[in-house]
PDB file of N, CA and C in Angstrom:
ATOM      1  N   MET A   1     -35.823  10.380  16.655  1.00  0.00           N
ATOM      2  CA  MET A   1     -34.644   9.499  15.248  1.00  0.00           C
ATOM      3  C   MET A   1     -33.103   9.650  15.824  1.00  0.00           C
ATOM      4  N   SER A   2     -32.404   8.523  15.884  1.00  0.00           N
ATOM      5  CA  SER A   2     -30.839   8.841  15.695  1.00  0.00           C
ATOM      6  C   SER A   2     -30.502   9.104  14.546  1.00  0.00           C
ATOM      7  N   LYS A   3     -29.395   9.581  14.614  1.00  0.00           N
ATOM      8  CA  LYS A   3     -28.432   9.694  13.223  1.00  0.00           C
ATOM      9  C   LYS A   3     -27.822   8.719  13.484  1.00  0.00           C
ATOM     10  N   ILE A   4     -27.476   8.105  12.336  1.00  0.00           N
ATOM     11  CA  ILE A   4     -26.224   7.152  12.550  1.00  0.00           C
ATOM     12  C   ILE A   4     -24.994   7.265  11.877  1.00  0.00           C
ATOM     13  N   LYS A   5     -23.642   7.748  12.482  1.00  0.00           N
ATOM     14  CA  LYS A   5     -22.265   8.309  12.213  1.00  0.00           C
ATOM     15  C   LYS A   5     -21.961   7.251  11.447  1.00  0.00           C
ATOM     16  N   THR A   6     -21.186   7.765  10.438  1.00  0.00           N
ATOM     17  CA  THR A   6     -20.481   6.972   9.469  1.00  0.00           C
ATOM     18  C   THR A   6     -19.189   7.647   9.067  1.00  0.00           C
ATOM     19  N   ARG A   7     -18.295   7.214   8.560  1.00  0.00           N
ATOM     20  CA  ARG A   7     -16.800   7.626   8.192  1.00  0.00           C
ATOM     21  C   ARG A   7     -16.223   6.665   7.272  1.00  0.00           C
ATOM     22  N   PRO A   8     -15.394   7.625   6.139  1.00  0.00           N
ATOM     23  CA  PRO A   8     -15.135   6.614   4.882  1.00  0.00           C
ATOM     24  C   PRO A   8     -14.027   5.365   5.436  1.00  0.00           C
ATOM     25  N   PHE A   9     -14.537   4.125   4.453  1.00  0.00           N
ATOM     26  CA  PHE A   9     -13.607   3.163   4.584  1.00  0.00           C
ATOM     27  C   PHE A   9     -12.414   3.491   4.460  1.00  0.00           C
ATOM     28  N   ASP A  10     -11.339   3.031   5.373  1.00  0.00           N
ATOM     29  CA  ASP A  10     -10.097   3.014   5.164  1.00  0.00           C
ATOM     30  C   ASP A  10      -9.399   1.660   5.694  1.00  0.00           C
ATOM     31  N   ALA A  11      -8.874   0.968   4.449  1.00  0.00           N
ATOM     32  CA  ALA A  11      -8.631  -0.334   4.674  1.00  0.00           C
ATOM     33  C   ALA A  11      -7.312  -0.304   5.557  1.00  0.00           C
ATOM     34  N   ALA A  12      -6.869   0.617   5.694  1.00  0.00           N
ATOM     35  CA  ALA A  12      -5.318   0.735   6.642  1.00  0.00           C
ATOM     36  C   ALA A  12      -5.534   0.142   8.072  1.00  0.00           C
ATOM     37  N   ASN A  13      -7.113   0.434   8.619  1.00  0.00           N
ATOM     38  CA  ASN A  13      -8.263  -0.024   9.689  1.00  0.00           C
ATOM     39  C   ASN A  13      -7.873  -1.418   9.850  1.00  0.00           C
ATOM     40  N   TYR A  14      -7.669  -2.183   8.673  1.00  0.00           N
ATOM     41  CA  TYR A  14      -7.859  -3.546   8.449  1.00  0.00           C
ATOM     42  C   TYR A  14      -6.600  -4.391   8.740  1.00  0.00           C
ATOM     43  N   LEU A  15      -6.116  -3.577   8.415  1.00  0.00           N
ATOM     44  CA  LEU A  15      -4.432  -4.792   8.012  1.00  0.00           C
ATOM     45  C   LEU A  15      -3.419  -4.422   9.402  1.00  0.00           C
ATOM     46  N   HIS A  16      -3.524  -5.766   9.883  1.00  0.00           N
ATOM     47  CA  HIS A  16      -3.572  -6.306  11.269  1.00  0.00           C
ATOM     48  C   HIS A  16      -1.899  -6.979  11.564  1.00  0.00           C
ATOM     49  N   ASP A  17      -1.289  -7.977  10.658  1.00  0.00           N
ATOM     50  CA  ASP A  17      -0.528  -8.655  10.454  1.00  0.00           C
ATOM     51  C   ASP A  17      -0.596  -8.574   9.012  1.00  0.00           C
ATOM     52  N   GLU A  18       0.690  -9.720   9.032  1.00  0.00           N
ATOM     53  CA  GLU A  18       1.384  -9.867   7.581  1.00  0.00           C
ATOM     54  C   GLU A  18       0.457 -10.655   6.899  1.00  0.00           C
ATOM     55  N   GLU A  19      -0.018 -11.790   7.322  1.00  0.00           N
ATOM     56  CA  GLU A  19      -0.910 -12.523   6.324  1.00  0.00           C
ATOM     57  C   GLU A  19      -2.284 -11.592   5.590  1.00  0.00           C
ATOM     58  N   ASP A  20      -2.570 -10.430   6.606  1.00  0.00           N
ATOM     59  CA  ASP A  20      -3.991  -9.479   5.936  1.00  0.00           C
ATOM     60  C   ASP A  20      -2.903  -8.680   4.900  1.00  0.00           C
ATOM     61  N   VAL A  21      -1.795  -8.356   5.024  1.00  0.00           N
ATOM     62  CA  VAL A  21      -1.209  -7.330   4.066  1.00  0.00           C
ATOM     63  C   VAL A  21      -0.834  -8.150   2.773  1.00  0.00           C
ATOM     64  N   ALA A  22      -0.528  -9.293   3.122  1.00  0.00           N
ATOM     65  CA  ALA A  22      -0.075 -10.457   1.667  1.00  0.00           C
ATOM     66  C   ALA A  22      -1.277 -10.652   1.078  1.00  0.00           C
ATOM     67  N   ALA A  23      -2.662 -10.589   2.010  1.00  0.00           N
ATOM     68  CA  ALA A  23      -3.959 -10.979   1.009  1.00  0.00           C
ATOM     69  C   ALA A  23      -4.169 -10.226   0.593  1.00  0.00           C
ATOM     70  N   TYR A  24      -4.294  -8.642   0.943  1.00  0.00           N
ATOM     71  CA  TYR A  24      -4.547  -7.439   0.641  1.00  0.00           C
ATOM     72  C   TYR A  24      -3.834  -6.771  -0.915  1.00  0.00           C
ATOM     73  N   LEU A  25      -2.244  -7.210  -0.602  1.00  0.00           N
ATOM     74  CA  LEU A  25      -1.881  -7.120  -1.878  1.00  0.00           C
ATOM     75  C   LEU A  25      -1.641  -7.814  -3.230  1.00  0.00           C
ATOM     76  N   GLU A  26      -2.026  -9.463  -2.531  1.00  0.00           N
ATOM     77  CA  GLU A  26      -2.402 -10.188  -3.645  1.00  0.00           C
ATOM     78  C   GLU A  26      -3.849  -9.900  -4.355  1.00  0.00           C
ATOM     79  N   ALA A  27      -4.661  -9.407  -3.742  1.00  0.00           N
ATOM     80  CA  ALA A  27      -6.237  -9.022  -4.542  1.00  0.00           C
ATOM     81  C   ALA A  27      -5.710  -7.781  -5.507  1.00  0.00           C
ATOM     82  N   VAL A  28      -5.394  -6.829  -4.964  1.00  0.00           N
ATOM     83  CA  VAL A  28      -5.163  -5.517  -5.498  1.00  0.00           C
ATOM     84  C   VAL A  28      -3.942  -5.808  -6.956  1.00  0.00           C
ATOM     85  N   LEU A  29      -3.039  -6.792  -6.709  1.00  0.00           N
ATOM     86  CA  LEU A  29      -2.192  -7.167  -7.893  1.00  0.00           C
ATOM     87  C   LEU A  29      -2.953  -7.605  -8.943  1.00  0.00           C
ATOM     88  N   GLN A  30      -4.053  -8.230  -8.650  1.00  0.00           N
ATOM     89  CA  GLN A  30      -4.737  -9.086  -9.326  1.00  0.00           C
ATOM     90  C   GLN A  30      -5.510  -7.814 -10.650  1.00  0.00           C
ATOM     91  N   GLU A  31      -5.449  -6.713 -10.105  1.00  0.00           N
ATOM     92  CA  GLU A  31      -6.157  -5.504 -10.859  1.00  0.00           C
ATOM     93  C   GLU A  31      -5.382  -5.248 -12.148  1.00  0.00           C
ATOM     94  N   SER A  32      -3.645  -5.060 -11.932  1.00  0.00           N
ATOM     95  CA  SER A  32      -3.098  -5.218 -12.933  1.00  0.00           C
ATOM     96  C   SER A  32      -2.737  -3.709 -13.426  1.00  0.00           C
ATOM     97  N   ASP A  33      -2.985  -2.692 -12.126  1.00  0.00           N
ATOM     98  CA  ASP A  33      -3.408  -1.151 -12.116  1.00  0.00           C
ATOM     99  C   ASP A  33      -2.654  -0.362 -10.898  1.00  0.00           C
ATOM    100  N   PRO A  34      -1.424  -0.084 -11.821  1.00  0.00           N
ATOM    101  CA  PRO A  34      -0.276   0.445 -11.052  1.00  0.00           C
ATOM    102  C   PRO A  34      -0.488   1.692  -9.842  1.00  0.00           C
ATOM    103  N   ALA A  35      -1.571   2.522 -10.087  1.00  0.00           N
ATOM    104  CA  ALA A  35      -2.124   3.285  -9.063  1.00  0.00           C
ATOM    105  C   ALA A  35      -2.906   2.904  -7.770  1.00  0.00           C
ATOM    106  N   LEU A  36      -3.305   1.773  -8.596  1.00  0.00           N
ATOM    107  CA  LEU A  36      -4.363   0.666  -7.284  1.00  0.00           C
ATOM    108  C   LEU A  36      -3.559   0.380  -6.520  1.00  0.00           C
ATOM    109  N   LEU A  37      -1.723  -0.080  -6.967  1.00  0.00           N
ATOM    110  CA  LEU A  37      -1.113  -0.739  -6.321  1.00  0.00           C
ATOM    111  C   LEU A  37      -0.672   0.358  -5.694  1.00  0.00           C
ATOM    112  N   ALA A  38      -0.155   1.143  -6.029  1.00  0.00           N
ATOM    113  CA  ALA A  38       0.473   2.861  -4.977  1.00  0.00           C
ATOM    114  C   ALA A  38      -0.486   2.790  -3.711  1.00  0.00           C
ATOM    115  N   GLY A  39      -1.963   3.357  -4.075  1.00  0.00           N
ATOM    116  CA  GLY A  39      -2.754   3.186  -3.565  1.00  0.00           C
ATOM    117  C   GLY A  39      -3.084   2.149  -2.230  1.00  0.00           C
ATOM    118  N   ALA A  40      -2.687   0.796  -2.183  1.00  0.00           N
ATOM    119  CA  ALA A  40      -2.798  -0.092  -1.334  1.00  0.00           C
ATOM    120  C   ALA A  40      -1.170   0.064  -0.955  1.00  0.00           C
ATOM    121  N   LEU A  41      -0.462   0.137  -1.084  1.00  0.00           N
ATOM    122  CA  LEU A  41       1.103   0.751  -0.450  1.00  0.00           C
ATOM    123  C   LEU A  41       0.825   1.473   0.192  1.00  0.00           C
ATOM    124  N   GLY A  42       0.293   2.539   0.051  1.00  0.00           N
ATOM    125  CA  GLY A  42      -0.163   3.821   1.059  1.00  0.00           C
ATOM    126  C   GLY A  42      -0.993   3.385   2.018  1.00  0.00           C
ATOM    127  N   ASP A  43      -1.807   2.652   2.119  1.00  0.00           N
ATOM    128  CA  ASP A  43      -2.852   1.941   3.408  1.00  0.00           C
ATOM    129  C   ASP A  43      -1.608   1.161   4.160  1.00  0.00           C
ATOM    130  N   ILE A  44      -1.349   0.097   3.490  1.00  0.00           N
ATOM    131  CA  ILE A  44      -0.121  -0.347   4.421  1.00  0.00           C
ATOM    132  C   ILE A  44       0.518   0.614   5.107  1.00  0.00           C
ATOM    133  N   ALA A  45       1.376   1.506   4.211  1.00  0.00           N
ATOM    134  CA  ALA A  45       2.511   2.663   4.993  1.00  0.00           C
ATOM    135  C   ALA A  45       1.545   3.231   6.278  1.00  0.00           C
ATOM    136  N   ARG A  46       0.073   3.823   5.615  1.00  0.00           N
ATOM    137  CA  ARG A  46      -0.246   4.266   7.103  1.00  0.00           C
ATOM    138  C   ARG A  46      -0.611   2.949   8.061  1.00  0.00           C
ATOM    139  N   ALA A  47      -0.746   2.048   7.882  1.00  0.00           N
ATOM    140  CA  ALA A  47      -1.045   0.965   9.000  1.00  0.00           C
ATOM    141  C   ALA A  47       0.237   0.884   9.702  1.00  0.00           C
ATOM    142  N   ARG A  48       1.135   1.032   9.209  1.00  0.00           N
ATOM    143  CA  ARG A  48       2.561   0.927  10.053  1.00  0.00           C
ATOM    144  C   ARG A  48       3.255   1.946  10.467  1.00  0.00           C
ATOM    145  N   GLY A  49       2.854   2.935   9.737  1.00  0.00           N
ATOM    146  CA  GLY A  49       3.346   4.458  10.481  1.00  0.00           C
ATOM    147  C   GLY A  49       4.200   4.933   9.142  1.00  0.00           C
ATOM    148  N   MET A  50       3.862   6.236   8.362  1.00  0.00           N
ATOM    149  CA  MET A  50       4.455   6.792   7.625  1.00  0.00           C
ATOM    150  C   MET A  50       5.791   7.196   7.931  1.00  0.00           C
ATOM    151  N   THR A  51       5.774   7.839   9.224  1.00  0.00           N
ATOM    152  CA  THR A  51       6.800   8.348   9.506  1.00  0.00           C
ATOM    153  C   THR A  51       8.265   7.325   9.709  1.00  0.00           C
ATOM    154  N   GLN A  52       7.824   6.058   9.829  1.00  0.00           N
ATOM    155  CA  GLN A  52       8.930   5.310   9.916  1.00  0.00           C
ATOM    156  C   GLN A  52       9.414   4.750   8.621  1.00  0.00           C
ATOM    157  N   LEU A  53       8.331   4.705   7.560  1.00  0.00           N
ATOM    158  CA  LEU A  53       8.619   4.392   6.084  1.00  0.00           C
ATOM    159  C   LEU A  53       9.243   5.685   5.810  1.00  0.00           C
ATOM    160  N   ALA A  54       9.323   6.824   5.910  1.00  0.00           N
ATOM    161  CA  ALA A  54       9.881   8.158   5.333  1.00  0.00           C
ATOM    162  C   ALA A  54      11.617   7.658   6.291  1.00  0.00           C
ATOM    163  N   LYS A  55      11.722   7.584   7.106  1.00  0.00           N
ATOM    164  CA  LYS A  55      13.111   7.436   7.849  1.00  0.00           C
ATOM    165  C   LYS A  55      13.738   6.068   6.960  1.00  0.00           C
ATOM    166  N   ASP A  56      13.122   4.406   6.757  1.00  0.00           N
ATOM    167  CA  ASP A  56      13.964   4.122   6.006  1.00  0.00           C
ATOM    168  C   ASP A  56      14.137   3.637   4.879  1.00  0.00           C
ATOM    169  N   THR A  57      13.073   4.493   4.333  1.00  0.00           N
ATOM    170  CA  THR A  57      12.921   5.049   2.545  1.00  0.00           C
ATOM    171  C   THR A  57      14.407   5.883   1.898  1.00  0.00           C
ATOM    172  N   GLY A  58      14.284   6.988   3.375  1.00  0.00           N
ATOM    173  CA  GLY A  58      14.845   7.976   2.932  1.00  0.00           C
ATOM    174  C   GLY A  58      14.410   9.091   1.705  1.00  0.00           C
ATOM    175  N   LEU A  59      13.200   9.030   1.998  1.00  0.00           N
ATOM    176  CA  LEU A  59      12.056   9.790   1.125  1.00  0.00           C
ATOM    177  C   LEU A  59      11.148  10.525   2.051  1.00  0.00           C
ATOM    178  N   SER A  60      10.521  11.553   1.646  1.00  0.00           N
ATOM    179  CA  SER A  60      10.253  12.705   3.080  1.00  0.00           C
ATOM    180  C   SER A  60       8.941  12.216   3.176  1.00  0.00           C
ATOM    181  N   ARG A  61       8.226  12.297   3.869  1.00  0.00           N
ATOM    182  CA  ARG A  61       6.985  12.171   4.222  1.00  0.00           C
ATOM    183  C   ARG A  61       5.670  12.958   3.393  1.00  0.00           C
ATOM    184  N   GLU A  62       5.963  13.878   3.066  1.00  0.00           N
ATOM    185  CA  GLU A  62       5.131  14.103   2.017  1.00  0.00           C
ATOM    186  C   GLU A  62       4.910  13.821   0.667  1.00  0.00           C
ATOM    187  N   SER A  63       6.330  13.522   0.092  1.00  0.00           N
ATOM    188  CA  SER A  63       6.648  12.919  -1.083  1.00  0.00           C
ATOM    189  C   SER A  63       5.974  11.334  -1.056  1.00  0.00           C
ATOM    190  N   LEU A  64       6.052  10.635  -0.103  1.00  0.00           N
ATOM    191  CA  LEU A  64       5.322   9.020   0.296  1.00  0.00           C
ATOM    192  C   LEU A  64       3.519   9.403   0.130  1.00  0.00           C
ATOM    193  N   TYR A  65       3.523  10.528   0.564  1.00  0.00           N
ATOM    194  CA  TYR A  65       1.643  10.595   0.607  1.00  0.00           C
ATOM    195  C   TYR A  65       1.324  11.059  -0.699  1.00  0.00           C
ATOM    196  N   ARG A  66       2.155  11.425  -1.477  1.00  0.00           N
ATOM    197  CA  ARG A  66       2.009  12.113  -2.744  1.00  0.00           C
ATOM    198  C   ARG A  66       2.027  10.659  -3.730  1.00  0.00           C
ATOM    199  N   SER A  67       3.369   9.924  -3.556  1.00  0.00           N
ATOM    200  CA  SER A  67       3.357   8.664  -4.258  1.00  0.00           C
ATOM    201  C   SER A  67       2.274   7.463  -4.072  1.00  0.00           C
ATOM    202  N   LEU A  68       1.868   7.866  -2.785  1.00  0.00           N
ATOM    203  CA  LEU A  68       1.356   6.372  -2.433  1.00  0.00           C
ATOM    204  C   LEU A  68      -0.100   6.386  -2.668  1.00  0.00           C
ATOM    205  N   SER A  69      -0.653   7.743  -3.019  1.00  0.00           N
ATOM    206  CA  SER A  69      -1.944   8.577  -2.998  1.00  0.00           C
ATOM    207  C   SER A  69      -3.281   7.329  -3.507  1.00  0.00           C
ATOM    208  N   GLY A  70      -2.616   7.024  -4.823  1.00  0.00           N
ATOM    209  CA  GLY A  70      -3.460   5.921  -5.415  1.00  0.00           C
ATOM    210  C   GLY A  70      -3.729   6.975  -6.442  1.00  0.00           C
ATOM    211  N   GLU A  71      -3.874   7.930  -6.643  1.00  0.00           N
ATOM    212  CA  GLU A  71      -3.839   9.077  -7.962  1.00  0.00           C
ATOM    213  C   GLU A  71      -3.117   8.724  -8.666  1.00  0.00           C
ATOM    214  N   ARG A  72      -1.279   8.513  -8.725  1.00  0.00           N
ATOM    215  CA  ARG A  72      -0.828   8.365  -9.657  1.00  0.00           C
ATOM    216  C   ARG A  72       0.000   6.720  -9.869  1.00  0.00           C
ATOM    217  N   ALA A  73       0.778   6.215 -10.549  1.00  0.00           N
ATOM    218  CA  ALA A  73       1.847   5.361 -10.463  1.00  0.00           C
ATOM    219  C   ALA A  73       3.018   5.890 -10.096  1.00  0.00           C
ATOM    220  N   PRO A  74       3.453   5.353  -9.001  1.00  0.00           N
ATOM    221  CA  PRO A  74       4.588   6.067  -8.668  1.00  0.00           C
ATOM    222  C   PRO A  74       6.242   5.341  -9.116  1.00  0.00           C
ATOM    223  N   SER A  75       7.216   6.268  -8.972  1.00  0.00           N
ATOM    224  CA  SER A  75       8.513   5.673 -10.275  1.00  0.00           C
ATOM    225  C   SER A  75       8.370   4.515  -9.561  1.00  0.00           C
ATOM    226  N   SER A  76       9.062   3.615 -10.473  1.00  0.00           N
ATOM    227  CA  SER A  76       9.616   2.125 -10.154  1.00  0.00           C
ATOM    228  C   SER A  76      10.653   2.215  -8.848  1.00  0.00           C
ATOM    229  N   ASP A  77      11.472   3.457  -8.928  1.00  0.00           N
ATOM    230  CA  ASP A  77      12.673   3.539  -7.840  1.00  0.00           C
ATOM    231  C   ASP A  77      11.772   3.774  -6.119  1.00  0.00           C
ATOM    232  N   THR A  78      10.517   4.786  -6.130  1.00  0.00           N
ATOM    233  CA  THR A  78      10.080   4.503  -5.006  1.00  0.00           C
ATOM    234  C   THR A  78       9.494   3.188  -4.607  1.00  0.00           C
ATOM    235  N   LEU A  79       8.669   2.602  -5.492  1.00  0.00           N
ATOM    236  CA  LEU A  79       8.029   1.332  -5.524  1.00  0.00           C
ATOM    237  C   LEU A  79       8.947   0.438  -4.887  1.00  0.00           C
ATOM    238  N   PHE A  80      10.618   0.072  -5.466  1.00  0.00           N
ATOM    239  CA  PHE A  80      11.094  -0.873  -4.791  1.00  0.00           C
ATOM    240  C   PHE A  80      11.491  -0.346  -3.467  1.00  0.00           C
ATOM    241  N   LYS A  81      11.985   1.076  -3.122  1.00  0.00           N
ATOM    242  CA  LYS A  81      12.371   1.283  -1.890  1.00  0.00           C
ATOM    243  C   LYS A  81      11.357   1.136  -0.754  1.00  0.00           C
ATOM    244  N   VAL A  82       9.681   1.408  -1.059  1.00  0.00           N
ATOM    245  CA  VAL A  82       8.646   1.225   0.042  1.00  0.00           C
ATOM    246  C   VAL A  82       8.615  -0.133   0.088  1.00  0.00           C
ATOM    247  N   LEU A  83       8.785  -1.131  -0.477  1.00  0.00           N
ATOM    248  CA  LEU A  83       8.563  -2.610  -0.729  1.00  0.00           C
ATOM    249  C   LEU A  83       9.294  -2.904   0.214  1.00  0.00           C
ATOM    250  N   LYS A  84      10.488  -2.761  -0.014  1.00  0.00           N
ATOM    251  CA  LYS A  84      11.985  -2.901   0.779  1.00  0.00           C
ATOM    252  C   LYS A  84      11.824  -2.469   2.386  1.00  0.00           C
ATOM    253  N   ALA A  85      11.040  -1.117   2.844  1.00  0.00           N
ATOM    254  CA  ALA A  85      11.148  -0.646   4.063  1.00  0.00           C
ATOM    255  C   ALA A  85      10.394  -1.300   4.371  1.00  0.00           C
ATOM    256  N   LEU A  86       8.879  -1.582   3.778  1.00  0.00           N
ATOM    257  CA  LEU A  86       7.809  -2.573   4.254  1.00  0.00           C
ATOM    258  C   LEU A  86       7.978  -3.731   4.541  1.00  0.00           C
ATOM    259  N   GLY A  87       9.262  -4.705   4.512  1.00  0.00           N
ATOM    260  CA  GLY A  87       9.735  -5.893   4.424  1.00  0.00           C
ATOM    261  C   GLY A  87       9.030  -7.008   3.471  1.00  0.00           C
ATOM    262  N   LEU A  88       8.387  -6.214   2.398  1.00  0.00           N
ATOM    263  CA  LEU A  88       8.127  -6.672   1.237  1.00  0.00           C
ATOM    264  C   LEU A  88       8.668  -7.336   0.135  1.00  0.00           C
ATOM    265  N   GLN A  89       8.502  -8.113  -0.349  1.00  0.00           N
ATOM    266  CA  GLN A  89       8.772  -8.598  -1.850  1.00  0.00           C
ATOM    267  C   GLN A  89       8.042  -9.320  -2.858  1.00  0.00           C
ATOM    268  N   LEU A  90       8.275  -8.724  -4.252  1.00  0.00           N
ATOM    269  CA  LEU A  90       7.205  -9.283  -5.327  1.00  0.00           C
ATOM    270  C   LEU A  90       7.927 -10.516  -5.831  1.00  0.00           C
ATOM    271  N   SER A  91       6.903 -11.486  -5.872  1.00  0.00           N
ATOM    272  CA  SER A  91       7.046 -12.203  -6.868  1.00  0.00           C
ATOM    273  C   SER A  91       6.282 -12.635  -7.967  1.00  0.00           C
ATOM    274  N   VAL A  92       6.837 -13.174  -9.358  1.00  0.00           N
ATOM    275  CA  VAL A  92       5.961 -13.914 -10.361  1.00  0.00           C
ATOM    276  C   VAL A  92       5.900 -15.325 -10.265  1.00  0.00           C
ATOM    277  N   HIS A  93       4.729 -15.350 -11.191  1.00  0.00           N
ATOM    278  CA  HIS A  93       4.657 -16.281 -11.196  1.00  0.00           C
ATOM    279  C   HIS A  93       3.771 -16.804 -12.864  1.00  0.00           C
ATOM    280  N   SER A  94       3.495 -17.837 -13.636  1.00  0.00           N
ATOM    281  CA  SER A  94       3.215 -17.905 -14.796  1.00  0.00           C
ATOM    282  C   SER A  94       1.281 -17.427 -14.319  1.00  0.00           C
ATOM    283  N   ALA A  95       0.947 -16.805 -15.343  1.00  0.00           N
ATOM    284  CA  ALA A  95      -0.502 -16.810 -15.089  1.00  0.00           C
ATOM    285  C   ALA A  95      -1.242 -18.074 -15.822  1.00  0.00           C
ATOM    286  N   LYS A  96      -0.782 -18.783 -16.410  1.00  0.00           N
ATOM    287  CA  LYS A  96      -1.568 -20.066 -16.768  1.00  0.00           C
ATOM    288  C   LYS A  96      -1.710 -20.671 -15.585  1.00  0.00           C
ATOM    289  N   ALA A  97      -0.740 -20.657 -14.550  1.00  0.00           N
ATOM    290  CA  ALA A  97      -0.889 -21.336 -13.659  1.00  0.00           C
ATOM    291  C   ALA A  97      -1.677 -21.071 -12.555  1.00  0.00           C
ATOM    292  N   VAL A  98      -2.048 -20.036 -12.483  1.00  0.00           N
ATOM    293  CA  VAL A  98      -3.362 -19.487 -11.554  1.00  0.00           C
ATOM    294  C   VAL A  98      -4.443 -20.454 -11.862  1.00  0.00           C
TER     295      VAL A  98
END
């Protein structure tokens, strides 16, 4: 009998284009969990390249890995730097309209 090799799920492997990223973030934002948002941004950053994100934000790779690990919520300053560097923006609409 052969053994099946598995590896942990990594969302970064499935974020191929802007539509994937937008759908992923939209689903994450529905949870209203800042740490989950940080982790999702970390997935997106890894899919696009953490080194380039570090250059674009002016933050160190180590700092980005810690801030976007999903273990804690990043500062709002880091959040907005990362969103801008990734070419993303947040928008707000009434929850009643959904």
